[in-house]
Protein backbone atom coordinates (compact mmCIF):
# COMPACT_ATOMS: atom_id res chain seq x y z
CA MET A 1 18.93 -74.47 26.04
CA GLU A 2 17.30 -73.33 29.08
CA GLY A 3 16.50 -70.49 27.84
CA LYS A 4 14.51 -71.12 25.42
CA ARG A 5 12.73 -73.85 27.52
CA ARG A 6 11.75 -71.07 29.39
CA GLU A 7 10.44 -69.11 26.46
CA GLU A 8 8.52 -72.08 25.25
CA GLU A 9 6.38 -72.72 28.38
CA ILE A 10 5.92 -68.52 28.68
CA ARG A 11 4.48 -69.18 25.16
CA GLU A 12 2.58 -71.92 26.39
CA ARG A 13 1.20 -69.96 29.16
CA PHE A 14 0.74 -67.00 27.01
CA LEU A 15 -1.87 -68.93 24.48
CA LYS A 16 -3.50 -70.31 27.46
CA VAL A 17 -4.70 -66.89 27.96
CA TYR A 18 -5.91 -66.02 24.38
CA GLU A 19 -8.32 -69.38 24.89
CA GLN A 20 -9.68 -67.40 28.06
CA LEU A 21 -10.20 -64.12 26.32
CA LYS A 22 -11.73 -65.91 23.51
CA SER A 23 -14.29 -67.97 25.09
CA GLU A 24 -14.94 -64.57 26.62
CA VAL A 25 -15.46 -62.45 23.53
CA LEU A 26 -17.67 -65.50 22.26
CA GLN A 27 -20.01 -65.75 25.33
CA ASP A 28 -20.09 -61.72 25.43
CA PRO A 29 -23.64 -61.13 27.10
CA ALA A 30 -24.19 -57.81 24.27
CA PHE A 31 -25.02 -60.31 21.69
CA GLU A 32 -26.50 -63.33 21.09
CA TYR A 33 -24.36 -65.56 19.01
CA CYS A 34 -26.17 -68.19 16.73
CA PRO A 35 -23.93 -71.07 15.85
CA VAL A 36 -23.10 -69.42 11.84
CA SER A 37 -21.72 -66.15 13.36
CA SER A 38 -20.19 -67.89 16.56
CA HIS A 39 -18.31 -70.22 14.25
CA TRP A 40 -17.43 -67.48 11.94
CA LEU A 41 -15.99 -65.55 14.68
CA GLN A 42 -13.82 -68.30 16.41
CA GLN A 43 -12.55 -69.31 12.91
CA MET A 44 -11.59 -65.58 12.34
CA LEU A 45 -10.03 -65.11 15.22
CA ASP A 46 -7.71 -67.91 15.56
CA TYR A 47 -6.73 -67.32 11.83
CA ASN A 48 -6.06 -63.79 12.46
CA VAL A 49 -4.97 -63.14 16.27
CA PRO A 50 -2.50 -65.73 17.16
CA GLY A 51 -0.35 -66.03 14.24
CA GLY A 52 3.03 -65.20 13.53
CA LYS A 53 5.63 -64.53 16.50
CA LEU A 54 3.40 -62.67 19.02
CA SER A 55 6.48 -60.80 20.21
CA ARG A 56 4.71 -57.35 20.84
CA GLY A 57 2.08 -59.14 22.96
CA LEU A 58 4.75 -61.39 24.58
CA SER A 59 7.30 -58.15 25.22
CA VAL A 60 4.77 -57.00 27.68
CA VAL A 61 4.64 -60.11 29.92
CA GLU A 62 8.80 -60.02 29.37
CA THR A 63 8.95 -56.35 30.01
CA PHE A 64 6.40 -55.87 33.07
CA ARG A 65 9.22 -59.00 34.66
CA LEU A 66 12.06 -56.96 34.07
CA LEU A 67 10.37 -53.64 35.17
CA LYS A 68 9.83 -55.38 38.17
CA GLN A 69 12.88 -57.39 38.91
CA GLU A 70 11.47 -60.43 39.19
CA GLU A 71 12.52 -64.03 37.94
CA GLU A 72 9.29 -65.40 37.60
CA LEU A 73 5.72 -63.43 38.07
CA SER A 74 2.93 -64.08 40.22
CA GLU A 75 0.15 -66.11 38.21
CA THR A 76 -2.04 -62.73 39.06
CA HIS A 77 0.63 -60.27 37.37
CA PHE A 78 1.45 -62.76 34.63
CA PHE A 79 -2.13 -62.85 33.59
CA LEU A 80 -3.16 -59.54 33.52
CA ALA A 81 0.28 -58.56 31.62
CA SER A 82 -1.03 -61.54 28.92
CA VAL A 83 -4.41 -60.08 28.76
CA LEU A 84 -2.60 -56.65 27.59
CA GLY A 85 -0.26 -58.05 25.51
CA TRP A 86 -3.37 -60.38 23.92
CA CYS A 87 -4.65 -56.89 23.15
CA ILE A 88 -1.98 -55.65 21.44
CA GLN A 89 -2.15 -58.43 19.42
CA TRP A 90 -6.02 -57.96 18.86
CA PHE A 91 -4.94 -54.77 17.84
CA VAL A 92 -1.99 -56.04 15.59
CA ALA A 93 -4.45 -58.45 13.69
CA CYS A 94 -6.88 -55.15 13.18
CA ALA A 95 -3.87 -53.41 11.63
CA LEU A 96 -2.56 -56.54 9.41
CA MET A 97 -6.12 -57.47 7.99
CA LEU A 98 -6.78 -53.77 6.88
CA ASP A 99 -2.86 -52.95 5.87
CA ASP A 100 -3.42 -56.52 3.48
CA VAL A 101 -6.92 -55.27 2.14
CA LEU A 102 -5.74 -51.55 1.22
CA ASP A 103 -2.76 -52.92 0.09
CA ASN A 104 -4.22 -56.05 -2.25
CA SER A 105 -1.88 -58.02 -0.46
CA VAL A 106 -2.16 -62.24 -1.00
CA VAL A 107 0.32 -63.73 1.69
CA ARG A 108 0.57 -62.85 5.50
CA ARG A 109 2.39 -64.88 7.77
CA GLY A 110 2.99 -67.78 5.23
CA ARG A 111 -0.62 -68.31 4.79
CA THR A 112 -3.66 -66.59 2.19
CA CYS A 113 -4.45 -63.31 3.25
CA TRP A 114 -7.73 -63.27 5.33
CA PHE A 115 -9.96 -61.35 3.14
CA ARG A 116 -8.79 -63.38 0.01
CA LEU A 117 -10.47 -66.58 1.71
CA PRO A 118 -13.33 -67.65 0.10
CA ASN A 119 -16.70 -66.15 1.71
CA VAL A 120 -14.78 -63.68 3.21
CA GLY A 121 -13.90 -60.76 0.91
CA MET A 122 -14.81 -56.96 2.24
CA ILE A 123 -16.55 -59.04 5.56
CA ALA A 124 -12.92 -58.50 6.10
CA ILE A 125 -13.36 -54.85 6.88
CA ASN A 126 -16.28 -55.33 9.65
CA ASP A 127 -14.03 -58.16 11.27
CA VAL A 128 -11.60 -55.50 11.64
CA ILE A 129 -13.97 -52.78 13.68
CA LEU A 130 -14.92 -56.04 15.41
CA LEU A 131 -11.63 -56.92 16.55
CA TRP A 132 -10.96 -53.29 17.62
CA ASN A 133 -14.38 -53.29 19.39
CA HIS A 134 -13.11 -56.35 21.52
CA ILE A 135 -10.06 -54.68 22.65
CA ASN A 136 -12.02 -52.27 24.69
CA ARG A 137 -14.51 -54.61 26.09
CA ILE A 138 -11.41 -56.68 27.16
CA LEU A 139 -9.81 -54.02 29.17
CA ARG A 140 -13.27 -53.39 30.29
CA ASN A 141 -13.83 -57.05 31.65
CA HIS A 142 -10.20 -57.12 33.62
CA PHE A 143 -9.29 -53.92 34.18
CA ARG A 144 -12.27 -51.76 35.37
CA ASN A 145 -11.66 -51.61 38.52
CA GLN A 146 -7.60 -50.72 38.03
CA PRO A 147 -6.90 -47.05 38.91
CA TYR A 148 -5.08 -47.04 35.31
CA TYR A 149 -8.00 -48.06 33.88
CA ALA A 150 -8.96 -44.94 31.90
CA ASP A 151 -5.31 -44.40 30.98
CA LEU A 152 -5.28 -47.84 29.70
CA LEU A 153 -8.18 -46.53 27.18
CA ASP A 154 -6.38 -43.34 26.28
CA LEU A 155 -3.21 -45.39 25.16
CA PHE A 156 -4.92 -47.95 22.93
CA ASN A 157 -6.97 -45.16 21.65
CA GLU A 158 -3.89 -43.03 20.86
CA VAL A 159 -1.81 -45.85 18.95
CA GLU A 160 -5.00 -46.81 16.59
CA PHE A 161 -4.96 -42.85 15.69
CA GLN A 162 -1.33 -42.47 15.39
CA THR A 163 -0.90 -45.88 13.55
CA THR A 164 -4.31 -45.45 11.19
CA SER A 165 -2.75 -41.44 10.94
CA GLY A 166 1.14 -43.34 9.64
CA GLU A 167 -1.00 -45.82 7.20
CA MET A 168 -2.76 -43.06 5.64
CA LEU A 169 0.64 -41.10 4.85
CA ASP A 170 1.63 -44.94 3.98
CA LEU A 171 -1.37 -44.91 1.07
CA LEU A 172 -1.07 -40.97 -0.06
CA THR A 173 2.18 -42.02 -1.26
CA THR A 174 1.00 -44.44 -3.98
CA VAL A 175 -1.69 -42.44 -5.07
CA GLU A 176 -2.48 -42.34 -9.28
CA GLY A 177 -0.84 -39.67 -11.09
CA ALA A 178 0.82 -38.85 -7.85
CA LYS A 179 4.12 -40.93 -8.73
CA ASP A 180 7.05 -38.51 -8.09
CA LEU A 181 10.00 -40.48 -6.74
CA SER A 182 11.39 -36.91 -6.48
CA LYS A 183 8.83 -36.38 -3.11
CA PHE A 184 10.41 -39.65 -1.40
CA THR A 185 12.66 -38.54 1.08
CA LEU A 186 14.13 -40.07 4.35
CA GLU A 187 12.00 -37.23 6.69
CA GLN A 188 8.98 -38.95 4.67
CA GLN A 189 9.62 -42.59 4.91
CA GLN A 190 10.77 -41.89 8.86
CA ARG A 191 7.53 -40.05 10.11
CA ILE A 192 5.23 -42.78 7.97
CA SER A 193 7.41 -45.41 10.01
CA ARG A 194 7.21 -43.34 13.03
CA PHE A 195 3.27 -43.45 13.05
CA LYS A 196 2.57 -46.69 11.57
CA THR A 197 4.78 -48.87 13.08
CA ALA A 198 6.58 -47.68 16.06
CA TYR A 199 3.78 -46.47 18.39
CA GLY A 200 2.08 -50.05 17.80
CA THR A 201 5.89 -52.02 18.17
CA PHE A 202 7.74 -50.68 21.08
CA TYR A 203 5.74 -47.86 22.46
CA LEU A 204 2.54 -49.46 23.55
CA PRO A 205 4.18 -52.92 24.95
CA LEU A 206 5.92 -50.73 27.12
CA SER A 207 3.79 -47.76 27.95
CA CYS A 208 1.35 -50.98 29.33
CA ALA A 209 3.85 -52.27 31.59
CA LEU A 210 4.44 -49.32 32.71
CA LEU A 211 0.50 -48.36 33.56
CA MET A 212 0.49 -51.45 35.72
CA LEU A 213 3.55 -50.42 37.57
CA GLY A 214 1.09 -47.15 38.40
CA GLN A 215 3.76 -45.44 36.08
CA LYS A 216 3.82 -43.47 32.83
CA LEU A 217 6.42 -43.22 30.18
CA ASP A 218 6.29 -39.42 30.37
CA ASP A 219 8.02 -40.40 34.12
CA TYR A 220 11.35 -40.82 31.90
CA THR A 221 13.28 -38.42 30.10
CA ASN A 222 14.17 -39.67 26.05
CA VAL A 223 12.84 -42.83 26.35
CA LYS A 224 10.05 -42.27 23.97
CA ASP A 225 12.51 -40.92 21.43
CA ILE A 226 14.06 -43.96 21.84
CA LEU A 227 11.39 -46.46 21.40
CA LEU A 228 10.40 -44.69 17.94
CA ASP A 229 13.67 -44.59 16.64
CA MET A 230 14.13 -48.61 17.23
CA GLY A 231 10.34 -48.29 15.96
CA ILE A 232 12.14 -46.81 12.47
CA TYR A 233 14.81 -48.97 12.62
CA PHE A 234 12.29 -51.79 12.85
CA GLN A 235 10.43 -50.44 9.40
CA VAL A 236 14.00 -50.20 7.70
CA GLN A 237 14.67 -54.06 8.09
CA ASP A 238 10.94 -54.86 7.00
CA ASP A 239 11.41 -52.34 4.05
CA TYR A 240 14.82 -54.40 3.25
CA LEU A 241 13.03 -57.87 3.65
CA ASP A 242 10.55 -57.00 1.34
CA CYS A 243 12.64 -57.29 -1.32
CA PHE A 244 15.82 -59.22 -0.03
CA GLY A 245 14.43 -61.65 2.70
CA ASP A 246 13.65 -64.93 2.11
CA PRO A 247 9.54 -65.21 1.78
CA GLU A 248 9.19 -68.48 3.53
CA LYS A 249 11.25 -66.80 6.47
CA VAL A 250 9.45 -63.33 6.16
CA GLY A 251 6.11 -65.03 5.72
CA LYS A 252 4.94 -62.89 2.87
CA ILE A 253 5.44 -62.20 -0.52
CA GLY A 254 7.44 -58.21 -1.18
CA SER A 255 5.28 -55.98 -2.84
CA ASP A 256 6.75 -52.39 -1.81
CA ILE A 257 8.51 -51.40 -5.67
CA ARG A 258 4.94 -52.69 -7.36
CA ASP A 259 3.10 -50.57 -4.67
CA PHE A 260 4.90 -47.74 -5.27
CA LYS A 261 5.87 -47.48 -1.39
CA CYS A 262 8.00 -45.29 0.11
CA SER A 263 10.86 -47.48 1.08
CA TRP A 264 13.95 -47.01 2.77
CA LEU A 265 15.81 -48.81 -0.29
CA VAL A 266 14.01 -46.88 -2.71
CA VAL A 267 14.93 -43.45 -1.13
CA LYS A 268 18.78 -44.56 -0.47
CA ALA A 269 18.44 -45.22 -4.29
CA MET A 270 17.61 -41.86 -4.83
CA GLU A 271 20.72 -40.65 -2.73
CA LEU A 272 23.22 -43.02 -4.52
CA CYS A 273 21.72 -42.73 -8.48
CA ASN A 274 23.39 -41.17 -11.39
CA GLU A 275 20.79 -39.20 -13.73
CA GLU A 276 20.56 -42.47 -15.87
CA GLN A 277 20.06 -44.69 -13.04
CA LYS A 278 17.24 -42.41 -11.77
CA LYS A 279 15.72 -42.00 -14.57
CA LEU A 280 15.51 -46.33 -15.13
CA LEU A 281 14.37 -46.45 -11.32
CA CYS A 282 11.31 -43.81 -11.91
CA ASP A 283 10.51 -45.71 -15.68
CA ASN A 284 10.30 -49.19 -13.58
CA TYR A 285 9.82 -48.14 -9.94
CA GLY A 286 5.54 -48.62 -8.88
CA LYS A 287 5.06 -51.02 -12.07
CA GLU A 288 3.31 -54.35 -11.90
CA ASP A 289 5.06 -56.09 -14.49
CA SER A 290 7.53 -58.26 -13.14
CA THR A 291 9.94 -57.20 -15.85
CA ASN A 292 10.06 -53.85 -14.09
CA VAL A 293 10.28 -54.85 -10.88
CA ASP A 294 12.99 -57.32 -11.87
CA ILE A 295 15.32 -53.99 -13.23
CA VAL A 296 14.50 -51.97 -9.87
CA LYS A 297 15.81 -55.11 -7.80
CA SER A 298 19.19 -55.26 -10.54
CA LEU A 299 19.67 -51.50 -10.08
CA TYR A 300 19.14 -52.32 -5.79
CA ASN A 301 22.03 -54.76 -6.09
CA ASP A 302 24.21 -52.10 -8.77
CA LEU A 303 23.88 -49.98 -5.90
CA ASN A 304 24.82 -52.37 -3.03
CA LEU A 305 21.91 -51.28 -0.80
CA GLN A 306 22.41 -55.16 0.72
CA GLY A 307 25.94 -53.02 2.21
CA VAL A 308 24.26 -50.09 2.47
CA PHE A 309 21.83 -51.52 4.89
CA ALA A 310 24.55 -53.35 6.83
CA GLU A 311 26.25 -50.18 7.53
CA TYR A 312 23.61 -48.74 8.29
CA GLU A 313 22.20 -51.58 10.71
CA ILE A 314 25.26 -51.41 12.46
CA GLU A 315 26.00 -47.82 13.20
CA VAL A 316 22.13 -47.56 14.09
CA TYR A 317 22.37 -50.16 16.74
CA GLU A 318 25.61 -48.85 18.28
CA LYS A 319 23.95 -45.29 18.66
CA LEU A 320 20.79 -47.01 20.35
CA MET A 321 22.69 -48.80 22.42
CA ASN A 322 24.85 -45.64 23.35
CA ARG A 323 21.55 -43.88 24.11
CA ILE A 324 19.88 -46.19 26.12
CA GLU A 325 22.90 -46.55 28.61
CA THR A 326 22.22 -42.80 29.20
CA ILE A 327 18.93 -43.81 30.94
CA PRO A 328 19.33 -43.98 34.64
CA SER A 329 16.98 -46.64 35.40
CA GLU A 330 18.64 -49.84 34.96
CA SER A 331 15.05 -51.90 34.49
CA VAL A 332 14.31 -49.44 32.19
CA GLN A 333 17.69 -50.13 30.31
CA SER A 334 17.19 -53.84 30.40
CA VAL A 335 13.96 -53.32 28.66
CA LEU A 336 14.92 -51.07 25.74
CA LYS A 337 18.33 -53.67 25.49
CA SER A 338 15.74 -56.66 25.30
CA PHE A 339 14.06 -55.12 22.70
CA LEU A 340 16.77 -54.25 20.83
CA SER A 341 18.71 -57.19 21.14
CA LYS A 342 15.32 -59.25 19.85
CA ILE A 343 15.52 -57.27 16.06
CA TYR A 344 18.92 -56.71 15.74
CA ARG A 345 20.19 -58.44 12.50
CA ARG A 346 16.49 -60.23 12.13
CA ASN A 347 15.81 -62.03 9.33
CA LYS A 348 11.69 -62.53 9.58
């Protein structure tokens, strides 16, 4: 109970930093906001940036605390770590808003996707660009005088490039006229996951915290590889929950089967299918009709993909834990173990 209360207090403090950053953005002297544009921006920010579990942003605060090996951070350190955490949440909002438009999604985080709201539509594309620009302005406002400022800019630009490149790989698998399941391999699924998911989810938070300490991820051997493999595991969980998760908990309606995504589930299915099952999968995967989707899900059940995933999850967790325990730095070990414990057997 004590730990839960502490997490709630940190979350409340973290959300207060968002309110300050939102106020700064709305009062940016580089642009004169009128009542209409000010209202739009505030509504867009509140709808997209602070939603969800905030796990990526909050992880910067917790990671910095673990690396500092302190029970409580000073107000200054908590604030700066929170600012970087919110820059990541701004980045997450960019990625999710754009992903929803590209995938023509309906629900995100239990609510209607932003672009589907009345009077929004494709204005959402400009909103995504605006959010990305906010990140650079927030970093300039709060870190311009820090010796690691240039490294922060490089880091966010690098991860933006990696994530959008991963999104490109993901989208190219769904191109009409190129729907060939035989091209879906575990290597391809992992490559998409590494760039689209892993860099922004695990690599970015730890890198931010290390920069605040005057260090870089490259100073630690094998840590980057562990983070990226953790991100691949995280995406496999997402692929699994897209099909077998509870939409109420997951916060969105699964669409990977309809969208012809290179999901871990379909890759494993192709490995396990006999010829008759493989033809059934190829004939029904990537079709809009719910009947086709149900056939694919039924096939997944016949192949016991839930059991295959359960075995995979245990195996990956044990391998990652063994690798983490080879890292010489105890503080970095504690961060990696914290990351892994938060996602192991998650259901949302």
